[in-house]
Amino acid sequence: MSNIEPLCVAENTEVEIHFTLSLADGTVVDATEENEPLRLRIGDGSLIDGLEQTLYGMKAGERQCVSIDPRDGFGFPDETNLHEMPRSEFADEIELQPGLIIGFSTPAGDETPGTIREVQGDTVLVDFNHPLAGHEIIFDVEVLSVTRTES
């Protein structure tokens, strides 16, 4: 019989998890597939801090479901992230409707999502806040494995 304590999720660990991320009303916004768990290194930026902090101290085989406030999740909407853009900057074949999320390229070459809020004539109001900003989220997670990594 071994007295070796199971490894806990901490810095310098890699974890394999199954998760469901949903809104307080039950709407699922992201989840792993049954045979495709997410594998990540703690601190690599794969998860926002509020979700990653939930994993700390968990061991393989453990599961928990937590509610995460916007402050620790995706933040709160910022009015300075609303931008009016001319309709001509969008491809003609795109049917611009409120709620449509489009990927935009930043000057640095990164891609960021923008949500169409309003279309009035030749002006399109785009919200560059994260689509989950301002929402309480429910993180249901099961840790499948924990391994130590090199620091």
Protein backbone atom coordinates (compact mmCIF):
# COMPACT_ATOMS: atom_id res chain seq x y z
CA MET A 1 0.00 0.00 0.00
CA SER A 2 1.37 3.41 -1.02
CA ASN A 3 1.34 6.53 1.12
CA ILE A 4 1.94 8.80 -1.87
CA GLU A 5 -0.45 11.76 -1.80
CA PRO A 6 -2.20 12.42 -5.15
CA LEU A 7 -0.91 15.48 -6.99
CA CYS A 8 -3.04 18.63 -6.65
CA VAL A 9 -3.53 21.26 -9.32
CA ALA A 10 -0.97 24.00 -8.67
CA GLU A 11 1.71 26.01 -10.46
CA ASN A 12 3.95 23.82 -12.62
CA THR A 13 1.21 21.29 -13.30
CA GLU A 14 -0.60 20.23 -16.42
CA VAL A 15 -4.22 19.19 -16.12
CA GLU A 16 -6.73 17.40 -18.27
CA ILE A 17 -10.32 18.45 -17.63
CA HIS A 18 -13.87 18.14 -18.83
CA PHE A 19 -15.94 21.28 -18.30
CA THR A 20 -19.16 23.04 -19.07
CA LEU A 21 -19.37 26.82 -18.97
CA SER A 22 -22.90 28.18 -18.79
CA LEU A 23 -24.83 31.31 -17.95
CA ALA A 24 -26.92 31.53 -14.77
CA ASP A 25 -30.04 30.75 -16.85
CA GLY A 26 -28.52 27.41 -17.94
CA THR A 27 -27.47 28.45 -21.46
CA VAL A 28 -24.29 26.51 -22.29
CA VAL A 29 -21.66 28.79 -23.86
CA ASP A 30 -18.73 26.37 -24.03
CA ALA A 31 -17.99 22.75 -23.14
CA THR A 32 -15.59 19.95 -23.88
CA GLU A 33 -16.72 17.01 -25.98
CA GLU A 34 -17.10 13.61 -24.32
CA ASN A 35 -13.91 12.10 -25.79
CA GLU A 36 -12.00 15.37 -26.17
CA PRO A 37 -11.00 16.82 -22.78
CA LEU A 38 -9.08 20.07 -22.53
CA ARG A 39 -5.42 19.71 -21.62
CA LEU A 40 -3.66 22.81 -20.33
CA ARG A 41 -0.71 23.96 -18.31
CA ILE A 42 -1.67 26.04 -15.29
CA GLY A 43 -0.78 29.65 -16.01
CA ASP A 44 -0.55 29.29 -19.81
CA GLY A 45 -3.50 31.63 -20.44
CA SER A 46 -5.85 28.92 -21.76
CA LEU A 47 -8.38 29.82 -19.06
CA ILE A 48 -9.20 33.18 -17.53
CA ASP A 49 -7.89 33.59 -14.00
CA GLY A 50 -11.28 33.13 -12.34
CA LEU A 51 -11.72 29.71 -13.96
CA GLU A 52 -8.12 28.65 -13.40
CA GLN A 53 -8.26 29.57 -9.70
CA THR A 54 -11.19 27.16 -9.33
CA LEU A 55 -8.87 24.30 -10.29
CA TYR A 56 -6.18 24.99 -7.67
CA GLY A 57 -6.07 22.25 -5.03
CA MET A 58 -8.22 19.81 -6.99
CA LYS A 59 -7.04 16.25 -7.61
CA ALA A 60 -7.71 13.80 -10.43
CA GLY A 61 -11.23 12.41 -10.11
CA GLU A 62 -12.64 15.47 -8.33
CA ARG A 63 -15.48 17.54 -9.69
CA GLN A 64 -16.98 20.86 -8.67
CA CYS A 65 -19.49 23.36 -9.93
CA VAL A 66 -18.96 27.02 -9.04
CA SER A 67 -20.63 30.31 -9.80
CA ILE A 68 -18.21 33.00 -10.92
CA ASP A 69 -19.05 36.69 -10.60
CA PRO A 70 -18.28 38.94 -13.61
CA ARG A 71 -15.49 40.55 -11.55
CA ASP A 72 -13.62 37.22 -11.53
CA GLY A 73 -14.91 36.05 -14.90
CA PHE A 74 -15.04 38.12 -18.06
CA GLY A 75 -15.33 41.52 -16.39
CA PHE A 76 -17.95 44.20 -16.86
CA PRO A 77 -18.87 45.93 -20.13
CA ASP A 78 -16.91 49.10 -20.83
CA GLU A 79 -18.69 51.81 -22.86
CA THR A 80 -15.36 52.79 -24.47
CA ASN A 81 -15.39 49.40 -26.23
CA LEU A 82 -18.44 50.42 -28.32
CA HIS A 83 -17.41 51.70 -31.75
CA GLU A 84 -19.36 53.06 -34.68
CA MET A 85 -18.09 51.78 -38.02
CA PRO A 86 -19.17 52.49 -41.58
CA ARG A 87 -21.17 49.67 -43.24
CA SER A 88 -18.62 49.80 -46.09
CA GLU A 89 -16.01 48.19 -43.80
CA PHE A 90 -18.02 44.95 -43.80
CA ALA A 91 -18.29 42.49 -46.67
CA ASP A 92 -21.50 43.00 -48.66
CA GLU A 93 -22.55 39.36 -48.23
CA ILE A 94 -22.59 39.63 -44.41
CA GLU A 95 -26.13 40.19 -43.15
CA LEU A 96 -25.48 42.50 -40.22
CA GLN A 97 -27.99 41.79 -37.46
CA PRO A 98 -27.87 42.71 -33.77
CA GLY A 99 -26.26 39.85 -31.83
CA LEU A 100 -24.05 38.67 -34.71
CA ILE A 101 -20.47 38.07 -33.51
CA ILE A 102 -17.74 38.76 -36.07
CA GLY A 103 -13.96 38.29 -35.81
CA PHE A 104 -11.98 41.50 -36.35
CA SER A 105 -8.23 41.84 -36.88
CA THR A 106 -6.39 44.23 -34.59
CA PRO A 107 -3.49 46.39 -35.82
CA ALA A 108 -1.16 43.90 -34.07
CA GLY A 109 -2.61 41.06 -36.19
CA ASP A 110 -4.59 39.42 -33.37
CA GLU A 111 -8.23 38.50 -33.80
CA THR A 112 -10.86 39.86 -31.44
CA PRO A 113 -14.62 39.26 -31.42
CA GLY A 114 -17.04 42.11 -31.93
CA THR A 115 -20.80 41.88 -31.44
CA ILE A 116 -23.10 43.85 -33.72
CA ARG A 117 -25.33 45.91 -31.43
CA GLU A 118 -27.15 48.13 -33.89
CA VAL A 119 -27.34 48.93 -37.61
CA GLN A 120 -28.67 52.34 -38.59
CA GLY A 121 -28.35 53.26 -42.24
CA ASP A 122 -24.66 53.23 -43.13
CA THR A 123 -23.49 53.07 -39.50
CA VAL A 124 -22.86 49.87 -37.55
CA LEU A 125 -22.42 49.92 -33.76
CA VAL A 126 -19.95 47.19 -32.73
CA ASP A 127 -19.36 46.09 -29.14
CA PHE A 128 -15.81 44.88 -28.55
CA ASN A 129 -16.45 43.84 -24.94
CA HIS A 130 -16.16 40.10 -24.40
CA PRO A 131 -19.57 38.54 -25.19
CA LEU A 132 -19.70 37.19 -21.61
CA ALA A 133 -18.77 40.52 -19.96
CA GLY A 134 -21.25 41.37 -17.23
CA HIS A 135 -22.55 37.82 -16.89
CA GLU A 136 -22.34 35.51 -13.91
CA ILE A 137 -21.02 32.20 -15.25
CA ILE A 138 -21.30 28.66 -13.95
CA PHE A 139 -18.15 26.54 -14.28
CA ASP A 140 -18.76 22.81 -13.90
CA VAL A 141 -15.40 21.04 -14.05
CA GLU A 142 -14.03 17.54 -13.57
CA VAL A 143 -10.27 16.99 -13.26
CA LEU A 144 -9.21 13.85 -15.15
CA SER A 145 -5.47 14.02 -14.54
CA VAL A 146 -2.78 16.18 -12.96
CA THR A 147 0.90 15.90 -13.88
CA ARG A 148 3.92 17.90 -12.79
CA THR A 149 5.72 19.96 -15.45
CA GLU A 150 9.18 21.44 -15.56
CA SER A 151 9.28 24.96 -14.13
